[in-house]
Amino acid sequence: MTTVRVPVKARMLGWACERAGYTTAGFADSHPQFRVEDWIAGEIQPTLKQLEAFAKATHTPFGALLLPEPPSEPLPIPDFRSMEMGPPRRPSADLLDTIYLCQQRQDWYRSYAQINRLGQVDFVGTQSLADDPESAANQLRPTLAFVAEERHSIPSWTDALNRLIEKVETRGALVMVSGVVGSNNTRKLDPQEFRGFALADRIAPVVFINGKDTKAAQIFTLAHELGHLCLAESALDDATARTIPDRQVEQWCNKFAAELLVPREELTTVFRGSEDIDWQIQRLARHFKVSTLVVLRRIYDADWLDRGAFWAAYDAELERLRGFERKGEGGGNFYYTTMARAGKRLTRALVSSSLEGQNSFTESLHLLGFKKMKTFNELARLAGVAG
């Protein structure tokens, strides 16, 4: 029997590798089952089965490989990532697929909210760039019930992040935290590509946080994306407390996030100018229940630290935190991780809608990111939704 081979252009094979986050040589090294370098050199063409497997390995639509030129794949939301390391590279398949999945979830929840007359989320679109970001943060903080007295009683930074997520979801927004695409643990998200994004909507606003980032960075990302929702601005970000952005909207959201997490007035009362900086940031981080990185940024903003000292201290503390989190990495609870990936608010809505016969189990399983009804039933129990 004659083996049928598929003519595919070399540029399309290289594009697929790049889209998946590899150089051609890097993909060939990590996937030796494919003769991709021989295919590109024109020494041999792939069989249909080989090309289908290659498409799956690079997370590329099979039909796209047969095109004469790579298709345009613009980001579906504004890109506000910084230019400190040069222009952002072509969006990876992992990033694009994550945004597409969150948009699907948002579309579903918008319809669900309209059917159930849940109304609009009241803080979305309440601010503009002409408004003072610190005043905006001070307006939102008490309505989130994330005030000083409560934060002081929270035992850890992880608990503080979870508590803030809970407060935001109680107000009607959807917050999703994941370090992988959907539930595919082999497709890990790269925090160097993006840290989070906001999908602004009056009824179904979404904040997505890259769960592969440090817990310290996740707290700041959540606060930063809340700023975008207050402005009713969708955005893709790589913002950190270290970043000094050149775009007005990013400057606004950074100032909003910093004030939301560490109020300037309170910081002034607890700062000790004579104290060693390393001891100071640890003490203040425990006081505010935020990351040491955010504390460093606030000290810098208050002109109590010059730029050179700030950058040196920030980078040293970031490396310390990364080492600490690597040592403490664990598998976690599967069901709680699954719920966090889609967000508790969306999980409860999908589960209850399916149990009431308003939504198909197939669609709910897809949007939640798993296939087994056993997992669905356990999530229903944990979410407090009776079957």
Protein backbone atom coordinates (compact mmCIF):
# COMPACT_ATOMS: atom_id res chain seq x y z
CA MET A 1 0.00 0.00 0.00
CA THR A 2 1.34 3.43 -0.97
CA THR A 3 1.80 5.82 1.95
CA VAL A 4 -0.01 9.09 1.36
CA ARG A 5 1.99 12.12 2.42
CA VAL A 6 0.68 15.63 2.94
CA PRO A 7 2.38 18.62 1.31
CA VAL A 8 2.82 21.27 3.99
CA LYS A 9 4.88 24.41 3.70
CA ALA A 10 8.00 24.79 5.85
CA ARG A 11 6.88 28.22 7.10
CA MET A 12 3.68 26.67 8.47
CA LEU A 13 5.60 24.04 10.41
CA GLY A 14 7.91 26.70 11.87
CA TRP A 15 4.90 28.88 12.75
CA ALA A 16 3.22 26.00 14.58
CA CYS A 17 6.38 25.35 16.62
CA GLU A 18 6.71 29.03 17.51
CA ARG A 19 3.02 29.26 18.40
CA ALA A 20 3.52 26.39 20.84
CA GLY A 21 6.42 28.24 22.47
CA TYR A 22 9.35 26.43 20.78
CA THR A 23 12.06 27.09 18.28
CA THR A 24 12.07 24.48 15.53
CA ALA A 25 15.20 22.89 16.99
CA GLY A 26 13.72 23.01 20.48
CA PHE A 27 10.56 21.26 19.35
CA ALA A 28 12.58 18.63 17.50
CA ASP A 29 14.65 17.94 20.63
CA SER A 30 11.63 17.61 22.89
CA HIS A 31 9.51 15.68 20.37
CA PRO A 32 11.89 13.27 18.64
CA GLN A 33 8.97 11.20 17.32
CA PHE A 34 8.44 13.90 14.69
CA ARG A 35 10.92 14.44 11.86
CA VAL A 36 10.02 18.11 11.81
CA GLU A 37 13.47 19.34 10.74
CA ASP A 38 13.45 16.89 7.83
CA TRP A 39 9.96 18.05 6.90
CA ILE A 40 11.06 21.68 6.93
CA ALA A 41 14.16 20.88 4.88
CA GLY A 42 11.92 19.19 2.30
CA GLU A 43 13.67 15.83 2.63
CA ILE A 44 10.36 14.10 3.32
CA GLN A 45 6.72 15.05 3.86
CA PRO A 46 4.63 13.96 6.84
CA THR A 47 1.89 11.38 6.51
CA LEU A 48 -1.67 12.41 7.34
CA LYS A 49 -1.46 10.64 10.70
CA GLN A 50 1.88 12.26 11.51
CA LEU A 51 0.59 15.74 10.64
CA GLU A 52 -2.52 15.24 12.76
CA ALA A 53 -0.33 14.22 15.70
CA PHE A 54 1.95 17.22 15.08
CA ALA A 55 -1.07 19.54 15.08
CA LYS A 56 -2.19 18.11 18.42
CA ALA A 57 1.31 18.41 19.91
CA THR A 58 1.56 22.08 18.91
CA HIS A 59 -2.09 22.84 19.81
CA THR A 60 -2.66 24.02 16.26
CA PRO A 61 -5.89 23.57 14.25
CA PHE A 62 -5.09 20.91 11.66
CA GLY A 63 -6.61 22.91 8.80
CA ALA A 64 -4.37 25.88 9.57
CA LEU A 65 -1.27 23.81 8.72
CA LEU A 66 -2.51 23.45 5.15
CA LEU A 67 -2.71 27.20 4.57
CA PRO A 68 -0.10 28.95 2.38
CA GLU A 69 0.64 31.56 5.06
CA PRO A 70 0.20 31.69 8.84
CA PRO A 71 -3.19 33.13 9.75
CA SER A 72 -3.48 36.35 11.69
CA GLU A 73 -4.24 35.62 15.34
CA PRO A 74 -4.64 38.99 17.02
CA LEU A 75 -5.25 39.08 20.72
CA PRO A 76 -8.99 39.48 21.32
CA ILE A 77 -8.39 42.03 24.12
CA PRO A 78 -6.12 45.09 24.42
CA ASP A 79 -2.50 44.22 25.17
CA PHE A 80 -1.06 46.34 27.98
CA ARG A 81 2.01 44.25 28.67
CA SER A 82 5.14 46.30 29.29
CA MET A 83 7.88 46.84 26.73
CA GLU A 84 10.77 46.58 29.22
CA MET A 85 12.03 43.35 27.64
CA GLY A 86 11.24 44.42 24.08
CA PRO A 87 7.98 44.02 22.10
CA PRO A 88 5.80 41.13 23.34
CA ARG A 89 6.28 38.03 21.22
CA ARG A 90 3.52 36.42 19.19
CA PRO A 91 0.80 35.25 21.61
CA SER A 92 1.24 31.58 22.39
CA ALA A 93 -1.42 28.97 21.81
CA ASP A 94 -1.64 28.60 25.59
CA LEU A 95 -2.45 32.28 26.08
CA LEU A 96 -4.94 32.44 23.23
CA ASP A 97 -6.74 29.26 24.29
CA THR A 98 -6.98 30.53 27.87
CA ILE A 99 -8.55 33.82 26.77
CA TYR A 100 -10.96 32.00 24.42
CA LEU A 101 -12.05 29.64 27.22
CA CYS A 102 -12.63 32.52 29.63
CA GLN A 103 -14.65 34.36 26.97
CA GLN A 104 -16.82 31.26 26.53
CA ARG A 105 -17.36 31.11 30.28
CA GLN A 106 -18.17 34.82 30.35
CA ASP A 107 -20.71 34.47 27.52
CA TRP A 108 -22.43 31.60 29.32
CA TYR A 109 -22.54 33.40 32.66
CA ARG A 110 -23.87 36.60 31.09
CA SER A 111 -26.84 34.67 29.70
CA TYR A 112 -27.31 32.89 33.04
CA ALA A 113 -27.24 36.21 34.93
CA GLN A 114 -29.75 37.79 32.55
CA ILE A 115 -32.14 34.83 32.77
CA ASN A 116 -31.93 34.89 36.56
CA ARG A 117 -32.10 38.72 36.71
CA LEU A 118 -28.91 39.07 38.73
CA GLY A 119 -28.38 42.65 37.61
CA GLN A 120 -25.17 44.53 36.88
CA VAL A 121 -21.98 44.47 38.96
CA ASP A 122 -22.06 47.87 40.60
CA PHE A 123 -18.35 48.77 40.64
CA VAL A 124 -17.67 48.09 36.93
CA GLY A 125 -17.27 51.32 34.97
CA THR A 126 -17.55 53.60 38.00
CA GLN A 127 -14.21 55.32 37.32
CA SER A 128 -12.36 57.03 34.51
CA LEU A 129 -8.73 57.96 33.94
CA ALA A 130 -9.64 61.50 34.99
CA ASP A 131 -10.47 60.20 38.47
CA ASP A 132 -7.88 59.85 41.22
CA PRO A 133 -6.89 56.15 41.46
CA GLU A 134 -6.18 56.32 45.20
CA SER A 135 -9.61 57.82 45.88
CA ALA A 136 -11.15 55.08 43.71
CA ALA A 137 -9.36 52.40 45.75
CA ASN A 138 -10.50 53.96 49.01
CA GLN A 139 -14.09 53.93 47.75
CA LEU A 140 -13.97 50.27 46.78
CA ARG A 141 -12.07 48.83 49.76
CA PRO A 142 -14.82 49.19 52.40
CA THR A 143 -17.50 47.91 50.02
CA LEU A 144 -15.35 44.80 49.54
CA ALA A 145 -15.13 44.53 53.35
CA PHE A 146 -11.36 44.23 52.92
CA VAL A 147 -10.56 46.74 55.64
CA ALA A 148 -7.60 46.93 57.99
CA GLU A 149 -9.21 45.22 60.98
CA GLU A 150 -10.13 42.14 58.95
CA ARG A 151 -6.80 41.92 57.12
CA HIS A 152 -4.88 41.95 60.40
CA SER A 153 -6.74 38.84 61.54
CA ILE A 154 -5.95 36.80 58.40
CA PRO A 155 -3.22 34.23 59.23
CA SER A 156 -1.33 34.10 55.90
CA TRP A 157 -0.83 35.75 52.54
CA THR A 158 -2.49 32.83 50.75
CA ASP A 159 -5.50 33.22 53.00
CA ALA A 160 -5.51 36.95 52.26
CA LEU A 161 -5.57 36.25 48.52
CA ASN A 162 -8.38 33.73 48.91
CA ARG A 163 -10.34 36.11 51.11
CA LEU A 164 -10.01 38.95 48.61
CA ILE A 165 -11.12 36.64 45.77
CA GLU A 166 -14.14 35.66 47.84
CA LYS A 167 -15.01 39.31 48.46
CA VAL A 168 -14.74 40.18 44.77
CA GLU A 169 -16.89 37.21 43.72
CA THR A 170 -19.48 38.11 46.35
CA ARG A 171 -19.82 41.44 44.57
CA GLY A 172 -20.68 39.63 41.33
CA ALA A 173 -17.40 39.34 39.41
CA LEU A 174 -15.91 36.04 38.26
CA VAL A 175 -12.35 35.33 39.43
CA MET A 176 -10.43 32.42 37.91
CA VAL A 177 -6.97 31.28 39.02
CA SER A 178 -5.13 28.65 37.00
CA GLY A 179 -1.58 27.74 36.07
CA VAL A 180 -2.60 25.57 33.11
CA VAL A 181 -4.79 25.78 30.02
CA GLY A 182 -8.21 24.55 31.08
CA SER A 183 -7.46 21.40 33.07
CA ASN A 184 -4.56 20.23 30.90
CA ASN A 185 -1.65 19.91 33.34
CA THR A 186 0.82 19.46 30.46
CA ARG A 187 0.06 22.98 29.17
CA LYS A 188 1.52 25.21 31.87
CA LEU A 189 1.03 28.95 31.62
CA ASP A 190 4.13 31.13 31.56
CA PRO A 191 4.03 34.13 33.93
CA GLN A 192 6.78 35.70 31.84
CA GLU A 193 4.26 35.91 28.99
CA PHE A 194 1.37 37.27 31.07
CA ARG A 195 0.28 37.53 34.68
CA GLY A 196 -3.42 38.06 34.25
CA PHE A 197 -6.19 39.71 32.30
CA ALA A 198 -9.55 41.36 32.76
CA LEU A 199 -12.64 40.88 30.59
CA ALA A 200 -14.77 43.91 31.35
CA ASP A 201 -18.53 43.48 31.28
CA ARG A 202 -21.34 45.13 33.26
CA ILE A 203 -23.04 41.80 34.00
CA ALA A 204 -20.27 39.20 33.81
CA PRO A 205 -16.87 40.79 34.51
CA VAL A 206 -13.97 38.33 34.61
CA VAL A 207 -10.53 38.46 36.23
CA PHE A 208 -8.09 35.72 35.30
CA ILE A 209 -4.92 35.25 37.37
CA ASN A 210 -1.95 33.19 36.19
CA GLY A 211 -1.65 30.58 38.93
CA LYS A 212 1.94 29.76 37.95
CA ASP A 213 3.02 33.14 39.25
CA THR A 214 4.08 33.61 42.86
CA LYS A 215 1.35 34.16 45.45
CA ALA A 216 2.83 37.59 46.02
CA ALA A 217 2.35 38.52 42.38
CA GLN A 218 -1.15 37.04 42.26
CA ILE A 219 -2.37 39.40 44.99
CA PHE A 220 -1.14 42.42 43.05
CA THR A 221 -2.52 41.05 39.77
CA LEU A 222 -6.00 40.69 41.25
CA ALA A 223 -5.94 44.25 42.58
CA HIS A 224 -4.57 45.57 39.28
CA GLU A 225 -7.26 43.83 37.22
CA LEU A 226 -9.93 45.19 39.55
CA GLY A 227 -8.68 48.60 38.50
CA HIS A 228 -9.33 47.70 34.87
CA LEU A 229 -12.87 46.60 35.75
CA CYS A 230 -13.50 49.88 37.56
CA LEU A 231 -12.48 51.59 34.30
CA ALA A 232 -14.58 49.10 32.28
CA GLU A 233 -11.41 48.23 30.34
CA SER A 234 -10.55 44.73 29.15
CA ALA A 235 -6.80 44.19 29.27
CA LEU A 236 -3.96 41.68 29.11
CA ASP A 237 -1.26 42.48 31.66
CA ASP A 238 2.15 41.56 33.00
CA ALA A 239 1.97 44.24 35.69
CA THR A 240 3.94 43.84 38.91
CA ALA A 241 4.59 46.07 41.89
CA ARG A 242 8.05 46.67 40.37
CA THR A 243 6.73 47.90 37.04
CA ILE A 244 6.76 51.61 36.28
CA PRO A 245 4.56 51.58 33.16
CA ASP A 246 4.53 54.28 30.50
CA ARG A 247 0.85 53.92 29.58
CA GLN A 248 -1.64 56.05 31.45
CA VAL A 249 -4.14 53.27 32.02
CA GLU A 250 -1.46 51.00 33.50
CA GLN A 251 -0.16 53.78 35.71
CA TRP A 252 -3.71 54.32 36.95
CA CYS A 253 -4.30 50.62 37.66
CA ASN A 254 -0.95 50.22 39.44
CA LYS A 255 -1.67 53.18 41.72
CA PHE A 256 -5.18 51.85 42.34
CA ALA A 257 -3.84 48.39 43.23
CA ALA A 258 -1.17 49.73 45.56
CA GLU A 259 -3.62 51.94 47.45
CA LEU A 260 -6.24 49.17 47.64
CA LEU A 261 -3.75 46.79 49.24
CA VAL A 262 -1.65 49.21 51.32
CA PRO A 263 -3.48 52.48 52.12
CA ARG A 264 -1.03 55.37 52.17
CA GLU A 265 -2.54 56.91 55.31
CA GLU A 266 -2.21 53.70 57.30
CA LEU A 267 1.29 53.04 55.96
CA THR A 268 2.43 56.45 57.21
CA THR A 269 1.36 55.60 60.75
CA VAL A 270 3.19 52.26 60.93
CA PHE A 271 6.37 53.00 58.95
CA ARG A 272 9.58 53.26 61.00
CA GLY A 273 12.28 55.20 59.21
CA SER A 274 15.10 53.94 61.42
CA GLU A 275 14.30 50.26 60.96
CA ASP A 276 16.38 47.97 58.71
CA ILE A 277 14.62 47.66 55.34
CA ASP A 278 14.57 43.85 55.36
CA TRP A 279 12.95 43.72 58.79
CA GLN A 280 10.64 46.56 57.86
CA ILE A 281 9.15 44.94 54.77
CA GLN A 282 8.58 41.65 56.60
CA ARG A 283 6.81 43.43 59.47
CA LEU A 284 4.68 45.60 57.21
CA ALA A 285 3.77 42.66 54.97
CA ARG A 286 2.45 40.81 58.03
CA HIS A 287 0.62 43.96 59.14
CA PHE A 288 -1.16 44.54 55.82
CA LYS A 289 -1.38 40.84 54.84
CA VAL A 290 0.05 41.58 51.40
CA SER A 291 3.26 40.58 49.73
CA THR A 292 6.59 42.05 50.75
CA LEU A 293 6.90 43.18 47.13
CA VAL A 294 3.83 45.39 47.36
CA VAL A 295 5.14 46.86 50.62
CA LEU A 296 8.44 47.67 48.93
CA ARG A 297 6.61 49.42 46.11
CA ARG A 298 4.56 51.49 48.55
CA ILE A 299 7.69 52.54 50.46
CA TYR A 300 9.23 53.60 47.15
CA ASP A 301 6.07 55.51 46.13
CA ALA A 302 6.23 57.39 49.44
CA ASP A 303 9.82 58.49 48.62
CA TRP A 304 11.26 56.57 51.58
CA LEU A 305 13.45 54.53 49.21
CA ASP A 306 15.32 55.70 46.11
CA ARG A 307 14.93 53.91 42.78
CA GLY A 308 18.24 52.03 42.86
CA ALA A 309 17.68 50.74 46.39
CA PHE A 310 14.10 49.81 45.48
CA TRP A 311 15.10 47.75 42.44
CA ALA A 312 17.89 45.96 44.33
CA ALA A 313 15.64 45.16 47.29
CA TYR A 314 12.73 44.13 45.05
CA ASP A 315 14.75 41.71 42.92
CA ALA A 316 16.41 40.15 45.97
CA GLU A 317 13.05 39.67 47.69
CA LEU A 318 11.45 38.22 44.54
CA GLU A 319 14.20 35.62 44.28
CA ARG A 320 13.76 34.73 47.96
CA LEU A 321 10.01 34.27 47.47
CA ARG A 322 10.49 32.10 44.39
CA GLY A 323 12.86 29.84 46.29
CA PHE A 324 10.45 29.63 49.21
CA GLU A 325 7.50 28.73 47.00
CA ARG A 326 9.51 26.12 45.08
CA LYS A 327 10.31 24.39 48.39
CA GLY A 328 6.68 24.50 49.42
CA GLU A 329 5.15 23.31 46.18
CA GLY A 330 2.61 20.54 46.56
CA GLY A 331 -0.19 18.89 44.67
CA GLY A 332 -3.03 20.50 46.63
CA ASN A 333 -6.61 19.30 46.68
CA PHE A 334 -7.83 18.31 43.22
CA TYR A 335 -11.40 19.49 43.73
CA TYR A 336 -10.50 22.84 45.27
CA THR A 337 -7.95 23.40 42.50
CA THR A 338 -10.60 22.58 39.88
CA MET A 339 -13.05 25.00 41.48
CA ALA A 340 -10.43 27.76 41.65
CA ARG A 341 -9.63 27.34 37.95
CA ALA A 342 -13.19 28.18 36.91
CA GLY A 343 -13.99 30.29 39.96
CA LYS A 344 -16.45 29.45 42.71
CA ARG A 345 -19.17 31.75 41.41
CA LEU A 346 -19.15 30.24 37.92
CA THR A 347 -18.86 26.69 39.33
CA ARG A 348 -21.95 27.15 41.51
CA ALA A 349 -23.89 28.65 38.60
CA LEU A 350 -22.98 25.85 36.19
CA VAL A 351 -23.69 23.10 38.72
CA SER A 352 -27.05 24.49 39.85
CA SER A 353 -28.10 25.25 36.26
CA SER A 354 -27.35 21.68 35.17
CA LEU A 355 -29.07 20.10 38.17
CA GLU A 356 -32.15 22.22 37.49
CA GLY A 357 -32.20 21.14 33.83
CA GLN A 358 -31.48 24.60 32.46
CA ASN A 359 -28.07 23.67 31.07
CA SER A 360 -26.65 20.47 29.63
CA PHE A 361 -24.16 18.50 31.68
CA THR A 362 -21.97 18.28 28.56
CA GLU A 363 -21.62 22.06 28.30
CA SER A 364 -21.04 22.45 32.04
CA LEU A 365 -18.33 19.79 32.05
CA HIS A 366 -16.62 21.52 29.12
CA LEU A 367 -16.67 24.95 30.76
CA LEU A 368 -15.50 23.54 34.09
CA GLY A 369 -12.68 21.66 32.36
CA PHE A 370 -13.22 17.98 33.13
CA LYS A 371 -15.17 14.98 31.82
CA LYS A 372 -16.24 12.80 34.75
CA MET A 373 -19.62 13.07 36.49
CA LYS A 374 -17.94 11.89 39.69
CA THR A 375 -15.93 15.11 39.69
CA PHE A 376 -19.09 17.10 38.95
CA ASN A 377 -20.94 15.54 41.87
CA GLU A 378 -18.09 16.20 44.30
CA LEU A 379 -17.85 19.82 43.14
CA ALA A 380 -21.61 20.17 43.69
CA ARG A 381 -21.10 19.01 47.27
CA LEU A 382 -18.15 21.33 47.92
CA ALA A 383 -19.94 24.28 46.29
CA GLY A 384 -22.94 23.71 48.55
CA VAL A 385 -25.31 23.00 45.66
CA ALA A 386 -27.71 20.18 46.49
CA GLY A 387 -28.47 17.57 43.86
